[in-house]
Amino acid sequence: MTRTTKILHLGALSAAAALYVASTTDAAAQNARNCAPRDAVIDRLAEGYGESRQSMGLGANNAVVEVFASDETGTWTITVTTPNGLTCLVASGQSYETLAEALPAKGNDA
């Protein structure tokens, strides 16, 4: 994975972590709808959508933020796993692409 790809994935992971923190105001409701044991979530993403882990990072409170995607179908999912092993779906969508964009040159305001 190139440095640029890593930076892009880190940006996505940071956004997912912020979204997770903002969306966890009612933990009981969150757990009932969008969370399950990690193994069950990973199996569902692989079997139901053909998604595999593309990137990961450590978020607030030692939560693991992961991006799963399928190059074949273009679907993607962002998950957050808490230290107790509970994995919550944070966001999902379509048209996933792996990018390798260069950073702007230093001194360039663009």
N, C-alpha and C. Protein backbone atom coordinates (compact mmCIF):
# COMPACT_ATOMS: atom_id res chain seq x y z
N MET A 1 0.86 -1.17 0.00
CA MET A 1 0.00 0.00 0.00
C MET A 1 0.91 1.23 0.00
N THR A 2 0.64 2.15 -0.90
CA THR A 2 1.46 3.34 -1.00
C THR A 2 1.17 4.30 0.15
N ARG A 3 2.06 5.23 0.32
CA ARG A 3 1.90 6.24 1.39
C ARG A 3 0.61 7.04 1.16
N THR A 4 0.34 7.39 -0.08
CA THR A 4 -0.85 8.18 -0.39
C THR A 4 -2.11 7.40 -0.06
N THR A 5 -2.15 6.13 -0.41
CA THR A 5 -3.30 5.29 -0.10
C THR A 5 -3.50 5.20 1.40
N LYS A 6 -2.40 5.06 2.13
CA LYS A 6 -2.49 5.00 3.59
C LYS A 6 -3.07 6.30 4.15
N ILE A 7 -2.65 7.42 3.59
CA ILE A 7 -3.15 8.72 4.06
C ILE A 7 -4.64 8.84 3.78
N LEU A 8 -5.06 8.40 2.60
CA LEU A 8 -6.49 8.46 2.26
C LEU A 8 -7.30 7.56 3.18
N HIS A 9 -6.80 6.37 3.46
CA HIS A 9 -7.51 5.46 4.35
C HIS A 9 -7.56 6.04 5.77
N LEU A 10 -6.46 6.66 6.20
CA LEU A 10 -6.45 7.28 7.52
C LEU A 10 -7.50 8.37 7.62
N GLY A 11 -7.67 9.14 6.55
CA GLY A 11 -8.70 10.18 6.53
C GLY A 11 -10.09 9.57 6.66
N ALA A 12 -10.32 8.47 5.93
CA ALA A 12 -11.62 7.80 6.01
C ALA A 12 -11.84 7.24 7.41
N LEU A 13 -10.80 6.68 8.00
CA LEU A 13 -10.92 6.13 9.35
C LEU A 13 -11.19 7.24 10.37
N SER A 14 -10.54 8.37 10.21
CA SER A 14 -10.77 9.49 11.13
C SER A 14 -12.21 9.98 11.03
N ALA A 15 -12.71 10.09 9.81
CA ALA A 15 -14.09 10.52 9.62
C ALA A 15 -15.05 9.51 10.23
N ALA A 16 -14.76 8.22 10.07
CA ALA A 16 -15.62 7.18 10.64
C ALA A 16 -15.61 7.24 12.16
N ALA A 17 -14.44 7.46 12.74
CA ALA A 17 -14.36 7.54 14.20
C ALA A 17 -15.17 8.73 14.71
N ALA A 18 -15.07 9.86 14.03
CA ALA A 18 -15.84 11.04 14.43
C ALA A 18 -17.34 10.77 14.32
N LEU A 19 -17.73 10.12 13.23
CA LEU A 19 -19.14 9.78 13.03
C LEU A 19 -19.62 8.82 14.12
N TYR A 20 -18.78 7.87 14.48
CA TYR A 20 -19.13 6.90 15.52
C TYR A 20 -19.35 7.60 16.86
N VAL A 21 -18.42 8.46 17.21
CA VAL A 21 -18.54 9.17 18.49
C VAL A 21 -19.80 10.03 18.51
N ALA A 22 -20.11 10.67 17.39
CA ALA A 22 -21.29 11.53 17.32
C ALA A 22 -22.59 10.74 17.34
N SER A 23 -22.53 9.47 16.89
CA SER A 23 -23.77 8.71 16.75
C SER A 23 -24.05 7.76 17.91
N THR A 24 -23.22 7.76 18.93
CA THR A 24 -23.41 6.82 20.03
C THR A 24 -24.05 7.46 21.25
N THR A 25 -25.01 8.34 21.04
CA THR A 25 -25.65 9.00 22.16
C THR A 25 -26.59 8.06 22.91
N ASP A 26 -27.18 7.10 22.23
CA ASP A 26 -28.07 6.14 22.88
C ASP A 26 -27.51 4.74 22.65
N ALA A 27 -26.65 4.29 23.56
CA ALA A 27 -25.95 3.02 23.38
C ALA A 27 -26.89 1.84 23.25
N ALA A 28 -27.98 1.81 23.98
CA ALA A 28 -28.91 0.68 23.92
C ALA A 28 -29.56 0.58 22.54
N ALA A 29 -29.99 1.70 22.00
CA ALA A 29 -30.60 1.69 20.67
C ALA A 29 -29.58 1.32 19.60
N GLN A 30 -28.35 1.81 19.74
CA GLN A 30 -27.29 1.50 18.79
C GLN A 30 -27.01 0.00 18.78
N ASN A 31 -26.91 -0.61 19.95
CA ASN A 31 -26.61 -2.03 20.04
C ASN A 31 -27.72 -2.88 19.44
N ALA A 32 -28.95 -2.49 19.62
CA ALA A 32 -30.07 -3.30 19.14
C ALA A 32 -30.15 -3.31 17.62
N ARG A 33 -29.77 -2.23 16.96
CA ARG A 33 -29.95 -2.13 15.51
C ARG A 33 -28.71 -2.46 14.70
N ASN A 34 -27.56 -1.98 15.11
CA ASN A 34 -26.39 -1.99 14.24
C ASN A 34 -25.17 -2.72 14.78
N CYS A 35 -25.29 -3.43 15.89
CA CYS A 35 -24.12 -4.06 16.50
C CYS A 35 -24.34 -5.55 16.73
N ALA A 36 -23.22 -6.29 16.70
CA ALA A 36 -23.24 -7.73 16.94
C ALA A 36 -21.82 -8.16 17.27
N PRO A 37 -21.63 -9.40 17.73
CA PRO A 37 -20.27 -9.88 17.95
C PRO A 37 -19.45 -9.78 16.65
N ARG A 38 -18.18 -9.44 16.77
CA ARG A 38 -17.34 -9.17 15.60
C ARG A 38 -17.36 -10.30 14.59
N ASP A 39 -17.21 -11.55 15.03
CA ASP A 39 -17.18 -12.68 14.10
C ASP A 39 -18.43 -12.74 13.24
N ALA A 40 -19.58 -12.47 13.83
CA ALA A 40 -20.83 -12.51 13.08
C ALA A 40 -20.88 -11.41 12.02
N VAL A 41 -20.40 -10.22 12.37
CA VAL A 41 -20.40 -9.10 11.43
C VAL A 41 -19.45 -9.38 10.27
N ILE A 42 -18.25 -9.85 10.58
CA ILE A 42 -17.25 -10.12 9.54
C ILE A 42 -17.75 -11.21 8.59
N ASP A 43 -18.35 -12.26 9.14
CA ASP A 43 -18.90 -13.34 8.31
C ASP A 43 -20.01 -12.82 7.39
N ARG A 44 -20.87 -11.97 7.92
CA ARG A 44 -21.98 -11.42 7.13
C ARG A 44 -21.46 -10.54 6.00
N LEU A 45 -20.46 -9.71 6.28
CA LEU A 45 -19.89 -8.85 5.25
C LEU A 45 -19.22 -9.68 4.15
N ALA A 46 -18.53 -10.74 4.54
CA ALA A 46 -17.85 -11.59 3.56
C ALA A 46 -18.83 -12.41 2.74
N GLU A 47 -19.74 -13.08 3.42
CA GLU A 47 -20.67 -13.98 2.72
C GLU A 47 -21.78 -13.24 1.99
N GLY A 48 -22.31 -12.20 2.59
CA GLY A 48 -23.44 -11.50 1.99
C GLY A 48 -23.06 -10.46 0.95
N TYR A 49 -21.86 -9.87 1.09
CA TYR A 49 -21.48 -8.76 0.21
C TYR A 49 -20.13 -8.95 -0.46
N GLY A 50 -19.40 -10.00 -0.12
CA GLY A 50 -18.08 -10.22 -0.70
C GLY A 50 -17.05 -9.21 -0.26
N GLU A 51 -17.27 -8.58 0.90
CA GLU A 51 -16.37 -7.54 1.38
C GLU A 51 -15.25 -8.12 2.25
N SER A 52 -14.07 -7.57 2.09
CA SER A 52 -12.93 -7.92 2.93
C SER A 52 -12.33 -6.62 3.48
N ARG A 53 -11.55 -6.76 4.54
CA ARG A 53 -10.98 -5.57 5.18
C ARG A 53 -9.96 -4.91 4.26
N GLN A 54 -10.11 -3.60 4.07
CA GLN A 54 -9.22 -2.82 3.22
C GLN A 54 -8.26 -1.96 4.04
N SER A 55 -8.70 -1.50 5.20
CA SER A 55 -7.84 -0.69 6.06
C SER A 55 -8.40 -0.71 7.48
N MET A 56 -7.56 -0.30 8.42
CA MET A 56 -7.97 -0.26 9.82
C MET A 56 -7.14 0.76 10.56
N GLY A 57 -7.67 1.19 11.72
CA GLY A 57 -6.95 2.13 12.57
C GLY A 57 -7.54 2.11 13.96
N LEU A 58 -6.84 2.73 14.88
CA LEU A 58 -7.28 2.78 16.27
C LEU A 58 -7.97 4.12 16.52
N GLY A 59 -9.20 4.08 17.00
CA GLY A 59 -9.98 5.28 17.26
C GLY A 59 -10.01 5.60 18.74
N ALA A 60 -10.93 6.46 19.12
CA ALA A 60 -11.10 6.88 20.51
C ALA A 60 -11.45 5.69 21.39
N ASN A 61 -11.02 5.73 22.62
CA ASN A 61 -11.31 4.71 23.62
C ASN A 61 -10.90 3.31 23.18
N ASN A 62 -9.80 3.21 22.42
CA ASN A 62 -9.25 1.94 21.93
C ASN A 62 -10.21 1.18 21.03
N ALA A 63 -11.11 1.87 20.37
CA ALA A 63 -12.00 1.23 19.41
C ALA A 63 -11.24 1.04 18.09
N VAL A 64 -11.45 -0.10 17.45
CA VAL A 64 -10.82 -0.38 16.17
C VAL A 64 -11.80 -0.01 15.05
N VAL A 65 -11.36 0.89 14.17
CA VAL A 65 -12.17 1.33 13.04
C VAL A 65 -11.65 0.61 11.80
N GLU A 66 -12.57 -0.01 11.04
CA GLU A 66 -12.17 -0.78 9.87
C GLU A 66 -13.03 -0.42 8.66
N VAL A 67 -12.41 -0.45 7.49
CA VAL A 67 -13.12 -0.26 6.23
C VAL A 67 -13.10 -1.59 5.49
N PHE A 68 -14.29 -2.10 5.16
CA PHE A 68 -14.43 -3.32 4.38
C PHE A 68 -14.99 -2.93 3.02
N ALA A 69 -14.58 -3.62 1.96
CA ALA A 69 -15.10 -3.30 0.63
C ALA A 69 -14.92 -4.50 -0.30
N SER A 70 -15.68 -4.45 -1.38
CA SER A 70 -15.60 -5.47 -2.42
C SER A 70 -15.24 -4.79 -3.73
N ASP A 71 -14.13 -5.22 -4.35
CA ASP A 71 -13.76 -4.69 -5.65
C ASP A 71 -14.72 -5.17 -6.73
N GLU A 72 -15.34 -6.31 -6.51
CA GLU A 72 -16.26 -6.87 -7.51
C GLU A 72 -17.60 -6.14 -7.53
N THR A 73 -18.19 -5.91 -6.36
CA THR A 73 -19.53 -5.29 -6.31
C THR A 73 -19.47 -3.78 -6.07
N GLY A 74 -18.35 -3.28 -5.52
CA GLY A 74 -18.23 -1.86 -5.22
C GLY A 74 -18.85 -1.45 -3.90
N THR A 75 -19.39 -2.42 -3.14
CA THR A 75 -19.98 -2.06 -1.85
C THR A 75 -18.87 -1.84 -0.82
N TRP A 76 -19.17 -1.03 0.19
CA TRP A 76 -18.22 -0.77 1.27
C TRP A 76 -18.96 -0.59 2.59
N THR A 77 -18.27 -0.89 3.68
CA THR A 77 -18.83 -0.76 5.03
C THR A 77 -17.74 -0.28 5.98
N ILE A 78 -18.08 0.64 6.86
CA ILE A 78 -17.17 1.08 7.92
C ILE A 78 -17.72 0.56 9.24
N THR A 79 -16.85 -0.11 10.00
CA THR A 79 -17.26 -0.65 11.30
C THR A 79 -16.37 -0.09 12.40
N VAL A 80 -16.89 -0.14 13.62
CA VAL A 80 -16.12 0.19 14.82
C VAL A 80 -16.31 -0.96 15.79
N THR A 81 -15.19 -1.51 16.27
CA THR A 81 -15.22 -2.60 17.24
C THR A 81 -14.72 -2.09 18.58
N THR A 82 -15.53 -2.26 19.62
CA THR A 82 -15.17 -1.82 20.96
C THR A 82 -14.24 -2.85 21.60
N PRO A 83 -13.52 -2.48 22.66
CA PRO A 83 -12.61 -3.43 23.30
C PRO A 83 -13.29 -4.72 23.78
N ASN A 84 -14.60 -4.70 24.02
CA ASN A 84 -15.29 -5.91 24.48
C ASN A 84 -15.70 -6.83 23.33
N GLY A 85 -15.35 -6.46 22.07
CA GLY A 85 -15.61 -7.33 20.92
C GLY A 85 -16.90 -7.06 20.19
N LEU A 86 -17.65 -6.05 20.61
CA LEU A 86 -18.89 -5.71 19.92
C LEU A 86 -18.57 -4.83 18.72
N THR A 87 -19.05 -5.22 17.54
CA THR A 87 -18.78 -4.48 16.31
C THR A 87 -20.05 -3.79 15.85
N CYS A 88 -19.94 -2.50 15.56
CA CYS A 88 -21.09 -1.71 15.12
C CYS A 88 -20.85 -1.21 13.70
N LEU A 89 -21.90 -1.26 12.90
CA LEU A 89 -21.85 -0.70 11.55
C LEU A 89 -22.04 0.80 11.67
N VAL A 90 -21.13 1.56 11.07
CA VAL A 90 -21.17 3.02 11.16
C VAL A 90 -21.69 3.63 9.87
N ALA A 91 -21.25 3.09 8.74
CA ALA A 91 -21.67 3.63 7.44
C ALA A 91 -21.47 2.54 6.39
N SER A 92 -22.22 2.65 5.30
CA SER A 92 -22.05 1.72 4.17
C SER A 92 -22.52 2.40 2.90
N GLY A 93 -22.11 1.84 1.78
CA GLY A 93 -22.50 2.45 0.52
C GLY A 93 -22.02 1.65 -0.67
N GLN A 94 -21.98 2.31 -1.81
CA GLN A 94 -21.62 1.68 -3.07
C GLN A 94 -20.54 2.50 -3.77
N SER A 95 -20.04 1.96 -4.87
CA SER A 95 -19.06 2.63 -5.74
C SER A 95 -17.72 2.83 -5.06
N TYR A 96 -17.25 1.82 -4.32
CA TYR A 96 -15.94 1.90 -3.66
C TYR A 96 -14.83 1.86 -4.69
N GLU A 97 -13.82 2.71 -4.51
CA GLU A 97 -12.63 2.72 -5.34
C GLU A 97 -11.41 2.87 -4.46
N THR A 98 -10.34 2.17 -4.80
CA THR A 98 -9.06 2.37 -4.14
C THR A 98 -8.33 3.45 -4.91
N LEU A 99 -7.89 4.49 -4.22
CA LEU A 99 -7.23 5.62 -4.86
C LEU A 99 -5.79 5.71 -4.43
N ALA A 100 -4.97 6.29 -5.28
CA ALA A 100 -3.56 6.54 -4.97
C ALA A 100 -3.23 7.94 -5.47
N GLU A 101 -3.82 8.94 -4.84
CA GLU A 101 -3.60 10.33 -5.24
C GLU A 101 -2.39 10.90 -4.53
N ALA A 102 -1.65 11.74 -5.23
CA ALA A 102 -0.48 12.38 -4.66
C ALA A 102 -0.90 13.58 -3.82
N LEU A 103 -0.12 13.87 -2.81
CA LEU A 103 -0.35 15.07 -2.01
C LEU A 103 0.04 16.30 -2.82
N PRO A 104 -0.59 17.45 -2.57
CA PRO A 104 -0.20 18.67 -3.28
C PRO A 104 1.24 19.04 -2.94
N ALA A 105 1.93 19.68 -3.86
CA ALA A 105 3.30 20.10 -3.63
C ALA A 105 3.34 21.10 -2.48
N LYS A 106 4.40 21.06 -1.71
CA LYS A 106 4.55 22.00 -0.60
C LYS A 106 4.61 23.42 -1.14
N GLY A 107 3.93 24.31 -0.44
CA GLY A 107 3.90 25.70 -0.85
C GLY A 107 2.80 26.01 -1.84
N ASN A 108 2.06 25.01 -2.23
CA ASN A 108 0.95 25.20 -3.17
C ASN A 108 -0.34 25.28 -2.37
N ASP A 109 -1.08 26.35 -2.52
CA ASP A 109 -2.30 26.55 -1.75
C ASP A 109 -3.48 25.73 -2.28
N ALA A 110 -3.33 25.06 -3.39
CA ALA A 110 -4.44 24.30 -4.00
C ALA A 110 -4.80 23.09 -3.21
